[in-house]
C-alpha cells in the first residue's frame, strides 16, 4: 500500500464547538464583525459536505504549510492513530473569487500531505 493511501480518515459528524469562535476570530480580520458573526451563524446550520483537498487549496489560493509546522504535525499524528478530525469551516468570498478557510487550515494541510485527492469534510456558506 502506498504512503498516499496508507491512512484512512475519520471525521466527526459535526465541527467541534471551539471551531466556531476560532472561525469568528479569523473572519473578523477579513470581514466586519457583523458579517463575520453572520457567517459563523450560517455555518452552524450548514450541512456537512465533501470536497477534495486539492480543490479547496485551489479555491483558497493558500499555500500548503510544511510538515514542520507543529499544528500540521499534530493533525498528522491524529490521522495516523485513527483519531477523528473536525470538519473544516469554509466561507465563499465571491467578491474576491476565493474560498476563505475560516477554521481547519492545519487539518487540511495534514490531510493533503497524505493524499491530495482525499475528501475533506466541511461546512461551507
Protein backbone atom coordinates (compact mmCIF):
# COMPACT_ATOMS: atom_id res chain seq x y z
CA UNK A 1 0.00 0.00 0.00
CA UNK A 2 1.42 3.38 -0.96
CA UNK A 3 2.09 6.12 1.56
CA UNK A 4 -0.65 8.19 -0.01
CA UNK A 5 -3.35 5.67 0.82
CA UNK A 6 -1.92 4.07 3.95
CA UNK A 7 -4.16 6.04 6.34
CA UNK A 8 -7.91 6.28 6.36
CA UNK A 9 -9.58 9.45 7.51
CA UNK A 10 -12.09 9.60 10.30
CA UNK A 11 -14.29 12.67 10.60
CA UNK A 12 -16.51 13.86 13.41
CA UNK A 13 -20.13 14.27 12.27
CA UNK A 14 -20.02 17.99 13.15
CA UNK A 15 -17.26 20.53 13.83
CA UNK A 16 -16.13 20.85 17.43
CA UNK A 17 -17.73 23.71 19.36
CA UNK A 18 -14.44 25.61 19.75
CA UNK A 19 -14.07 25.75 15.95
CA UNK A 20 -16.81 28.38 15.65
CA UNK A 21 -15.19 31.02 17.90
CA UNK A 22 -11.90 30.34 16.11
CA UNK A 23 -13.64 30.89 12.77
CA UNK A 24 -15.16 34.14 14.05
CA UNK A 25 -11.76 35.40 15.25
CA UNK A 26 -10.23 34.75 11.83
CA UNK A 27 -13.18 36.02 9.80
CA UNK A 28 -13.21 39.23 11.87
CA UNK A 29 -9.79 40.03 10.41
CA UNK A 30 -11.16 39.86 6.87
CA UNK A 31 -14.78 40.99 7.22
CA UNK A 32 -16.50 43.42 9.56
CA UNK A 33 -17.61 41.81 12.85
CA UNK A 34 -21.29 41.76 11.89
CA UNK A 35 -20.61 39.86 8.67
CA UNK A 36 -18.21 37.52 10.47
CA UNK A 37 -20.89 36.75 13.07
CA UNK A 38 -23.47 36.13 10.33
CA UNK A 39 -21.11 33.74 8.52
CA UNK A 40 -20.50 31.79 11.73
CA UNK A 41 -24.23 31.53 12.48
CA UNK A 42 -24.85 30.28 8.95
CA UNK A 43 -22.01 27.77 9.27
CA UNK A 44 -23.59 26.31 12.40
CA UNK A 45 -26.69 25.28 10.47
CA UNK A 46 -24.99 24.38 7.17
CA UNK A 47 -24.83 20.71 6.19
CA UNK A 48 -21.53 18.84 6.16
CA UNK A 49 -20.34 18.29 2.59
CA UNK A 50 -17.15 16.98 0.96
CA UNK A 51 -14.59 18.47 -1.40
CA UNK A 52 -11.18 17.17 -2.47
CA UNK A 53 -8.26 18.65 -0.56
CA UNK A 54 -6.59 19.84 -3.75
CA UNK A 55 -9.74 21.68 -4.86
CA UNK A 56 -10.08 23.51 -1.55
CA UNK A 57 -6.46 24.64 -1.83
CA UNK A 58 -7.01 25.85 -5.38
CA UNK A 59 -10.17 27.74 -4.41
CA UNK A 60 -8.50 29.35 -1.40
CA UNK A 61 -5.26 30.34 -3.19
CA UNK A 62 -3.37 29.50 0.01
CA UNK A 63 -0.03 27.76 0.18
CA UNK A 64 0.41 24.37 1.74
CA UNK A 65 2.00 24.55 5.18
CA UNK A 66 5.07 22.38 5.52
CA UNK A 67 5.15 19.24 7.60
CA UNK A 68 7.45 21.02 10.03
CA UNK A 69 4.50 23.12 11.26
CA UNK A 70 3.64 21.90 14.77
CA UNK A 71 -0.14 22.08 14.23
CA UNK A 72 0.12 20.11 10.98
CA UNK A 73 2.30 17.52 12.74
CA UNK A 74 -0.30 17.19 15.49
CA UNK A 75 -3.06 16.59 12.95
CA UNK A 76 -0.89 14.12 11.02
CA UNK A 77 -0.48 12.13 14.25
CA UNK A 78 -4.26 12.13 14.68
CA UNK A 79 -4.68 10.74 11.16
CA UNK A 80 -2.04 8.04 11.72
CA UNK A 81 -3.63 6.96 15.01
CA UNK A 82 -7.14 6.89 13.55
CA UNK A 83 -8.44 9.78 15.69
CA UNK A 84 -11.36 11.79 14.41
CA UNK A 85 -10.83 15.14 12.72
CA UNK A 86 -13.22 18.04 12.98
CA UNK A 87 -14.76 19.13 9.64
CA UNK A 88 -13.32 22.39 8.38
CA UNK A 89 -15.28 25.63 8.03
CA UNK A 90 -15.31 27.49 4.71
CA UNK A 91 -16.79 30.79 3.55
CA UNK A 92 -17.29 31.71 -0.09
CA UNK A 93 -15.93 35.17 -0.93
CA UNK A 94 -17.41 35.87 -4.37
CA UNK A 95 -16.07 39.43 -4.38
CA UNK A 96 -12.52 38.04 -4.49
CA UNK A 97 -13.39 34.75 -6.22
CA UNK A 98 -11.98 32.66 -3.38
CA UNK A 99 -12.92 30.37 -0.55
CA UNK A 100 -11.83 31.51 2.90
CA UNK A 101 -10.72 28.74 5.25
CA UNK A 102 -12.31 30.09 8.41
CA UNK A 103 -11.13 27.15 10.52
CA UNK A 104 -9.25 23.96 9.73
CA UNK A 105 -6.28 25.13 7.66
CA UNK A 106 -3.85 22.89 9.57
CA UNK A 107 -6.18 19.88 9.28
CA UNK A 108 -6.45 20.48 5.53
CA UNK A 109 -2.65 20.66 5.21
CA UNK A 110 -2.23 17.46 7.23
CA UNK A 111 -4.72 15.55 5.09
CA UNK A 112 -3.21 16.91 1.86
CA UNK A 113 0.23 15.68 2.95
CA UNK A 114 -1.10 12.11 2.79
CA UNK A 115 -3.29 12.38 -0.31
CA UNK A 116 -4.30 15.49 -2.24
CA UNK A 117 -7.36 13.64 -3.55
CA UNK A 118 -8.71 12.93 -0.06
CA UNK A 119 -12.23 14.10 0.57
CA UNK A 120 -12.38 16.80 3.23
CA UNK A 121 -15.50 17.01 5.34
CA UNK A 122 -16.52 20.63 5.68
CA UNK A 123 -19.28 23.16 6.07
CA UNK A 124 -19.44 25.95 3.51
CA UNK A 125 -21.53 29.09 3.25
